[in-house]
C-alpha atoms as a PDB file:
ATOM      1  CA  MET A   1     -15.780  36.242 -33.220  1.00  0.00           C
ATOM      2  CA  SER A   2     -18.263  33.896 -31.661  1.00  0.00           C
ATOM      3  CA  THR A   3     -18.448  33.322 -27.913  1.00  0.00           C
ATOM      4  CA  ILE A   4     -17.499  29.654 -28.354  1.00  0.00           C
ATOM      5  CA  THR A   5     -14.397  30.521 -30.376  1.00  0.00           C
ATOM      6  CA  GLY A   6     -13.420  33.212 -27.882  1.00  0.00           C
ATOM      7  CA  THR A   7     -13.958  30.890 -24.962  1.00  0.00           C
ATOM      8  CA  LEU A   8     -11.921  28.156 -26.633  1.00  0.00           C
ATOM      9  CA  GLU A   9      -9.087  30.610 -27.319  1.00  0.00           C
ATOM     10  CA  ALA A  10      -9.121  31.698 -23.673  1.00  0.00           C
ATOM     11  CA  TYR A  11      -9.097  28.053 -22.598  1.00  0.00           C
ATOM     12  CA  GLN A  12      -6.128  27.309 -24.849  1.00  0.00           C
ATOM     13  CA  LYS A  13      -4.223  30.319 -23.498  1.00  0.00           C
ATOM     14  CA  GLN A  14      -4.855  29.116 -19.925  1.00  0.00           C
ATOM     15  CA  TRP A  15      -3.816  25.597 -21.010  1.00  0.00           C
ATOM     16  CA  ARG A  16      -0.417  26.931 -22.110  1.00  0.00           C
ATOM     17  CA  ILE A  17       0.030  28.783 -18.826  1.00  0.00           C
ATOM     18  CA  ASN A  18      -0.945  25.684 -16.885  1.00  0.00           C
ATOM     19  CA  ARG A  19       1.603  23.588 -18.803  1.00  0.00           C
ATOM     20  CA  LEU A  20       4.345  26.041 -17.960  1.00  0.00           C
ATOM     21  CA  GLY A  21       3.395  25.892 -14.281  1.00  0.00           C
ATOM     22  CA  LEU A  22       3.375  22.106 -14.304  1.00  0.00           C
ATOM     23  CA  TRP A  23       6.811  21.909 -15.912  1.00  0.00           C
ATOM     24  CA  LEU A  24       8.214  24.399 -13.361  1.00  0.00           C
ATOM     25  CA  PHE A  25       6.776  22.159 -10.643  1.00  0.00           C
ATOM     26  CA  PHE A  26       8.567  19.167 -12.202  1.00  0.00           C
ATOM     27  CA  ILE A  27      11.862  21.036 -12.225  1.00  0.00           C
ATOM     28  CA  SER A  28      11.573  21.509  -8.457  1.00  0.00           C
ATOM     29  CA  GLU A  29      10.589  17.871  -8.031  1.00  0.00           C
ATOM     30  CA  THR A  30      13.643  16.832 -10.037  1.00  0.00           C
ATOM     31  CA  PHE A  31      15.838  18.533  -7.445  1.00  0.00           C
ATOM     32  CA  LEU A  32      14.062  16.646  -4.657  1.00  0.00           C
ATOM     33  CA  PHE A  33      14.319  13.232  -6.298  1.00  0.00           C
ATOM     34  CA  GLY A  34      17.793  13.996  -7.622  1.00  0.00           C
ATOM     35  CA  GLY A  35      18.979  14.826  -4.110  1.00  0.00           C
ATOM     36  CA  LEU A  36      17.777  11.487  -2.835  1.00  0.00           C
ATOM     37  CA  PHE A  37      19.447   9.766  -5.793  1.00  0.00           C
ATOM     38  CA  VAL A  38      22.762  11.513  -5.033  1.00  0.00           C
ATOM     39  CA  ALA A  39      22.403  10.537  -1.345  1.00  0.00           C
ATOM     40  CA  ARG A  40      22.084   6.922  -2.435  1.00  0.00           C
ATOM     41  CA  LEU A  41      25.232   7.147  -4.531  1.00  0.00           C
ATOM     42  CA  TYR A  42      27.167   8.860  -1.750  1.00  0.00           C
ATOM     43  CA  LEU A  43      25.964   6.810   1.242  1.00  0.00           C
ATOM     44  CA  TRP A  44      25.807   3.373  -0.360  1.00  0.00           C
ATOM     45  CA  GLY A  45      28.730   3.743  -2.749  1.00  0.00           C
ATOM     46  CA  ASP A  46      29.229   0.479  -4.617  1.00  0.00           C
ATOM     47  CA  THR A  47      27.064  -1.534  -2.215  1.00  0.00           C
ATOM     48  CA  ARG A  48      23.337  -2.082  -1.819  1.00  0.00           C
ATOM     49  CA  PRO A  49      21.131  -3.830   0.748  1.00  0.00           C
ATOM     50  CA  PRO A  50      19.668  -7.291   0.214  1.00  0.00           C
ATOM     51  CA  LEU A  51      16.380  -6.435  -1.519  1.00  0.00           C
ATOM     52  CA  ASP A  52      13.888  -8.809  -3.089  1.00  0.00           C
ATOM     53  CA  GLN A  53      14.954  -8.779  -6.751  1.00  0.00           C
ATOM     54  CA  LYS A  54      11.783 -10.520  -7.987  1.00  0.00           C
ATOM     55  CA  LEU A  55       9.599  -8.014  -6.189  1.00  0.00           C
ATOM     56  CA  GLY A  56      11.670  -5.122  -7.559  1.00  0.00           C
ATOM     57  CA  ILE A  57      11.348  -6.150 -11.191  1.00  0.00           C
ATOM     58  CA  THR A  58       7.681  -7.075 -10.767  1.00  0.00           C
ATOM     59  CA  ILE A  59       6.611  -3.741  -9.286  1.00  0.00           C
ATOM     60  CA  THR A  60       8.723  -1.913 -11.872  1.00  0.00           C
ATOM     61  CA  LEU A  61       7.010  -3.703 -14.748  1.00  0.00           C
ATOM     62  CA  ILE A  62       3.606  -3.024 -13.173  1.00  0.00           C
ATOM     63  CA  LEU A  63       4.377   0.693 -12.935  1.00  0.00           C
ATOM     64  CA  LEU A  64       5.683   0.858 -16.511  1.00  0.00           C
ATOM     65  CA  ILE A  65       2.593  -0.961 -17.801  1.00  0.00           C
ATOM     66  CA  SER A  66       0.416   1.507 -15.873  1.00  0.00           C
ATOM     67  CA  SER A  67       2.120   4.312 -17.782  1.00  0.00           C
ATOM     68  CA  TYR A  68       1.010   2.673 -21.045  1.00  0.00           C
ATOM     69  CA  PHE A  69      -2.608   2.686 -19.910  1.00  0.00           C
ATOM     70  CA  MET A  70      -2.331   6.301 -18.788  1.00  0.00           C
ATOM     71  CA  TYR A  71      -1.059   7.143 -22.291  1.00  0.00           C
ATOM     72  CA  ARG A  72      -4.087   5.314 -23.725  1.00  0.00           C
ATOM     73  CA  ALA A  73      -6.410   7.321 -21.440  1.00  0.00           C
ATOM     74  CA  ASP A  74      -4.901  10.632 -22.559  1.00  0.00           C
ATOM     75  CA  THR A  75      -5.040   9.595 -26.206  1.00  0.00           C
ATOM     76  CA  ALA A  76      -8.646   8.419 -25.836  1.00  0.00           C
ATOM     77  CA  ILE A  77      -9.924  11.777 -24.662  1.00  0.00           C
ATOM     78  CA  ALA A  78      -7.907  13.582 -27.330  1.00  0.00           C
ATOM     79  CA  TYR A  79     -10.181  11.705 -29.778  1.00  0.00           C
ATOM     80  CA  GLY A  80     -13.314  12.261 -27.679  1.00  0.00           C
ATOM     81  CA  ASP A  81     -13.531   8.661 -26.436  1.00  0.00           C
ATOM     82  CA  GLN A  82     -15.021   8.989 -22.942  1.00  0.00           C
ATOM     83  CA  LYS A  83     -15.345   5.245 -22.369  1.00  0.00           C
ATOM     84  CA  GLY A  84     -11.728   4.637 -23.389  1.00  0.00           C
ATOM     85  CA  LEU A  85     -10.622   7.424 -21.056  1.00  0.00           C
ATOM     86  CA  MET A  86     -12.467   5.994 -18.079  1.00  0.00           C
ATOM     87  CA  ASN A  87     -11.482   2.369 -18.691  1.00  0.00           C
ATOM     88  CA  ASN A  88      -7.814   3.192 -19.122  1.00  0.00           C
ATOM     89  CA  LEU A  89      -7.811   5.451 -16.065  1.00  0.00           C
ATOM     90  CA  LEU A  90      -9.281   2.607 -14.056  1.00  0.00           C
ATOM     91  CA  VAL A  91      -6.581   0.157 -15.215  1.00  0.00           C
ATOM     92  CA  THR A  92      -3.896   2.748 -14.472  1.00  0.00           C
ATOM     93  CA  PHE A  93      -5.305   3.263 -10.971  1.00  0.00           C
ATOM     94  CA  VAL A  94      -5.412  -0.470 -10.203  1.00  0.00           C
ATOM     95  CA  LEU A  95      -1.844  -1.019 -11.448  1.00  0.00           C
ATOM     96  CA  GLY A  96      -0.615   2.007  -9.504  1.00  0.00           C
ATOM     97  CA  LEU A  97      -2.280   0.661  -6.367  1.00  0.00           C
ATOM     98  CA  ILE A  98      -0.648  -2.717  -6.863  1.00  0.00           C
ATOM     99  CA  PHE A  99       2.741  -0.973  -7.213  1.00  0.00           C
ATOM    100  CA  LEU A 100       2.126   0.997  -4.006  1.00  0.00           C
ATOM    101  CA  ILE A 101       1.129  -2.166  -2.118  1.00  0.00           C
ATOM    102  CA  GLY A 102       4.249  -3.875  -3.469  1.00  0.00           C
ATOM    103  CA  VAL A 103       6.514  -1.180  -2.062  1.00  0.00           C
ATOM    104  CA  VAL A 104       4.768  -0.379   1.217  1.00  0.00           C
ATOM    105  CA  GLY A 105       3.225  -3.749   1.936  1.00  0.00           C
ATOM    106  CA  PHE A 106       6.053  -6.029   0.863  1.00  0.00           C
ATOM    107  CA  GLU A 107       9.375  -4.257   0.317  1.00  0.00           C
ATOM    108  CA  TRP A 108       9.047  -2.357   3.563  1.00  0.00           C
ATOM    109  CA  ARG A 109       8.513  -5.654   5.367  1.00  0.00           C
ATOM    110  CA  GLY A 110      11.721  -7.080   3.939  1.00  0.00           C
ATOM    111  CA  GLU A 111      15.112  -7.425   5.589  1.00  0.00           C
ATOM    112  CA  VAL A 112      16.000  -3.695   5.654  1.00  0.00           C
ATOM    113  CA  ARG A 113      14.560  -1.556   8.468  1.00  0.00           C
ATOM    114  CA  PRO A 114      14.543   2.242   8.744  1.00  0.00           C
ATOM    115  CA  SER A 115      16.995   1.928  11.654  1.00  0.00           C
ATOM    116  CA  ASP A 116      19.596   0.071   9.529  1.00  0.00           C
ATOM    117  CA  GLY A 117      21.894   3.078   9.115  1.00  0.00           C
ATOM    118  CA  ALA A 118      22.565   4.348   5.600  1.00  0.00           C
ATOM    119  CA  PHE A 119      20.778   1.377   4.009  1.00  0.00           C
ATOM    120  CA  GLY A 120      17.566   2.032   5.902  1.00  0.00           C
ATOM    121  CA  ALA A 121      17.695   5.798   5.606  1.00  0.00           C
ATOM    122  CA  VAL A 122      18.217   5.794   1.855  1.00  0.00           C
ATOM    123  CA  LEU A 123      15.835   2.950   1.038  1.00  0.00           C
ATOM    124  CA  TYR A 124      12.961   4.394   3.062  1.00  0.00           C
ATOM    125  CA  GLY A 125      13.742   7.929   1.986  1.00  0.00           C
ATOM    126  CA  MET A 126      13.735   7.108  -1.699  1.00  0.00           C
ATOM    127  CA  THR A 127      10.858   4.638  -1.723  1.00  0.00           C
ATOM    128  CA  GLY A 128       8.853   6.668   0.798  1.00  0.00           C
ATOM    129  CA  MET A 129       9.054   9.872  -1.236  1.00  0.00           C
ATOM    130  CA  HIS A 130       8.244   7.981  -4.415  1.00  0.00           C
ATOM    131  CA  ALA A 131       5.367   6.110  -2.746  1.00  0.00           C
ATOM    132  CA  PHE A 132       3.940   9.434  -1.565  1.00  0.00           C
ATOM    133  CA  HIS A 133       3.978  10.694  -5.148  1.00  0.00           C
ATOM    134  CA  VAL A 134       2.346   7.521  -6.402  1.00  0.00           C
ATOM    135  CA  PHE A 135      -0.317   7.910  -3.710  1.00  0.00           C
ATOM    136  CA  THR A 136      -1.009  11.516  -4.715  1.00  0.00           C
ATOM    137  CA  GLY A 137      -1.060  10.355  -8.357  1.00  0.00           C
ATOM    138  CA  LEU A 138      -3.745   7.812  -7.435  1.00  0.00           C
ATOM    139  CA  ILE A 139      -5.807  10.572  -5.863  1.00  0.00           C
ATOM    140  CA  PHE A 140      -5.294  12.652  -9.012  1.00  0.00           C
ATOM    141  CA  ILE A 141      -6.423   9.744 -11.203  1.00  0.00           C
ATOM    142  CA  ALA A 142      -9.510   9.201  -9.029  1.00  0.00           C
ATOM    143  CA  ILE A 143     -10.493  12.849  -9.312  1.00  0.00           C
ATOM    144  CA  VAL A 144      -9.989  12.825 -13.089  1.00  0.00           C
ATOM    145  CA  TRP A 145     -12.025   9.628 -13.363  1.00  0.00           C
ATOM    146  CA  LEU A 146     -14.877  11.148 -11.345  1.00  0.00           C
ATOM    147  CA  ASN A 147     -14.768  14.265 -13.518  1.00  0.00           C
ATOM    148  CA  ALA A 148     -14.783  12.082 -16.641  1.00  0.00           C
ATOM    149  CA  ARG A 149     -17.816  10.261 -15.280  1.00  0.00           C
ATOM    150  CA  LYS A 150     -19.576  13.638 -15.083  1.00  0.00           C
ATOM    151  CA  GLY A 151     -18.612  14.325 -18.716  1.00  0.00           C
ATOM    152  CA  LEU A 152     -16.363  17.289 -17.894  1.00  0.00           C
ATOM    153  CA  TYR A 153     -13.738  16.496 -20.529  1.00  0.00           C
ATOM    154  CA  THR A 154     -13.945  16.817 -24.306  1.00  0.00           C
ATOM    155  CA  LYS A 155     -11.405  16.377 -27.028  1.00  0.00           C
ATOM    156  CA  GLU A 156     -10.937  20.178 -27.032  1.00  0.00           C
ATOM    157  CA  ARG A 157     -10.946  20.669 -23.242  1.00  0.00           C
ATOM    158  CA  HIS A 158      -9.121  18.043 -21.236  1.00  0.00           C
ATOM    159  CA  TRP A 159      -6.301  19.803 -19.409  1.00  0.00           C
ATOM    160  CA  GLY A 160      -7.030  17.801 -16.237  1.00  0.00           C
ATOM    161  CA  VAL A 161      -6.463  14.540 -18.063  1.00  0.00           C
ATOM    162  CA  GLU A 162      -3.286  15.782 -19.687  1.00  0.00           C
ATOM    163  CA  ALA A 163      -1.910  17.126 -16.403  1.00  0.00           C
ATOM    164  CA  CYS A 164      -2.684  13.836 -14.671  1.00  0.00           C
ATOM    165  CA  ALA A 165      -0.981  11.893 -17.468  1.00  0.00           C
ATOM    166  CA  ILE A 166       2.112  14.075 -17.394  1.00  0.00           C
ATOM    167  CA  TYR A 167       2.327  13.743 -13.604  1.00  0.00           C
ATOM    168  CA  TRP A 168       1.945   9.969 -13.773  1.00  0.00           C
ATOM    169  CA  HIS A 169       4.610   9.658 -16.478  1.00  0.00           C
ATOM    170  CA  PHE A 170       6.960  11.842 -14.398  1.00  0.00           C
ATOM    171  CA  VAL A 171       6.508   9.571 -11.366  1.00  0.00           C
ATOM    172  CA  ASP A 172       7.157   6.537 -13.557  1.00  0.00           C
ATOM    173  CA  MET A 173      10.274   8.166 -15.015  1.00  0.00           C
ATOM    174  CA  VAL A 174      11.621   8.796 -11.502  1.00  0.00           C
ATOM    175  CA  TRP A 175      11.185   5.091 -10.735  1.00  0.00           C
ATOM    176  CA  ALA A 176      13.037   4.207 -13.939  1.00  0.00           C
ATOM    177  CA  PHE A 177      16.092   5.805 -12.286  1.00  0.00           C
ATOM    178  CA  TYR A 178      15.324   4.615  -8.744  1.00  0.00           C
ATOM    179  CA  TYR A 179      14.871   0.953  -9.618  1.00  0.00           C
ATOM    180  CA  PRO A 180      18.422   0.362 -10.892  1.00  0.00           C
ATOM    181  CA  ALA A 181      19.873   2.553  -8.151  1.00  0.00           C
ATOM    182  CA  LEU A 182      18.128   0.537  -5.443  1.00  0.00           C
ATOM    183  CA  TYR A 183      18.043  -2.965  -6.882  1.00  0.00           C
ATOM    184  CA  LEU A 184      20.860  -3.290  -9.397  1.00  0.00           C
ATOM    185  CA  LEU A 185      23.808  -0.993  -8.719  1.00  0.00           C
ATOM    186  CA  GLY A 186      26.446  -2.250  -6.310  1.00  0.00           C
ATOM    187  CA  THR A 187      26.935  -5.507  -4.522  1.00  0.00           C
ATOM    188  CA  VAL A 188      25.318  -6.843  -1.360  1.00  0.00           C
ATOM    189  CA  PRO A 189      27.886  -6.929   1.454  1.00  0.00           C
ATOM    190  CA  HIS A 190      28.362 -10.357   3.029  1.00  0.00           C
ATOM    191  CA  GLY A 191      28.188 -11.058   6.715  1.00  0.00           C
END
């Protein structure tokens, strides 16, 4: 067996172990995000605070579109396309940053304050935890982009890209549940 084949086999074995570790991490994260989701259902019941509906749908669409570009980045490197990887990572980063600014810069300046009882606690708890994960995802994307710039990924060896893509898709999936829970379920109390 050649050294290259042996090294590739070792890399693929480590890749499988890394995937298992990542999925175990996501199971623990599901409990965290799920707990916040259940708190929303329990504390808000069939009500919700007055949130900016246009902002909510806009940032949601931006995040979902970013997931498409992350998919394109992951697919590009699977075919050895370094330029496609870097360009799509850059678009994903920019869209993720716009989402983060939308939540922290605009939604958090809306009518609901952290001191507004259950509405404030749940809104800032859910969006804050999600925003933290988007922020760490942006750091992850930046690291992967810098590594791609150095030529560290190939179509055979790109675990970092795959891990980043899976993480980003997980964060997007969480928002797919959070958006309706925050913006659509329940009615806004009057007065």
